[in-house]
Amino acid sequence: MDYEFYRVVEKYPCDRYIRYDQLLGGGASKEVYIG
């Protein structure tokens, strides 16, 4: 899961996405990117 997160960060380096990952914990962050 962490590997995918890094790939997404490279494509969309936004503070919002990073914050969501920290708040949700990573698993939920994946849904945030897709949604």
Protein backbone atom coordinates (compact mmCIF):
# COMPACT_ATOMS: atom_id res chain seq x y z
CA MET A 1 0.00 0.00 0.00
CA ASP A 2 2.83 2.38 0.83
CA TYR A 3 4.34 1.85 -2.62
CA GLU A 4 1.09 2.87 -4.32
CA PHE A 5 0.84 5.92 -2.06
CA TYR A 6 4.28 7.09 -3.20
CA ARG A 7 3.29 6.70 -6.86
CA VAL A 8 0.16 8.77 -6.30
CA VAL A 9 2.13 11.45 -4.49
CA GLU A 10 4.43 11.76 -7.49
CA LYS A 11 1.48 12.16 -9.86
CA TYR A 12 -0.50 14.46 -7.56
CA PRO A 13 1.85 16.15 -5.05
CA CYS A 14 -0.81 18.10 -3.16
CA ASP A 15 -0.86 18.99 0.52
CA ARG A 16 -4.49 17.85 0.71
CA TYR A 17 -3.67 14.30 -0.39
CA ILE A 18 -0.76 14.10 2.05
CA ARG A 19 -2.94 15.30 4.93
CA TYR A 20 -5.66 12.78 4.09
CA ASP A 21 -3.06 10.00 4.13
CA GLN A 22 -1.88 11.02 7.61
CA LEU A 23 -5.39 11.46 9.02
CA LEU A 24 -6.92 8.33 7.52
CA GLY A 25 -3.75 6.24 7.81
CA GLY A 26 -3.02 5.17 4.21
CA GLY A 27 -5.69 2.52 3.55
CA ALA A 28 -8.46 5.08 3.41
CA SER A 29 -6.19 7.51 1.55
CA LYS A 30 -6.35 5.20 -1.47
CA GLU A 31 -10.12 5.68 -1.61
CA VAL A 32 -9.64 9.44 -1.33
CA TYR A 33 -7.40 9.51 -4.40
CA ILE A 34 -9.85 7.45 -6.45
CA GLY A 35 -12.87 9.38 -5.20
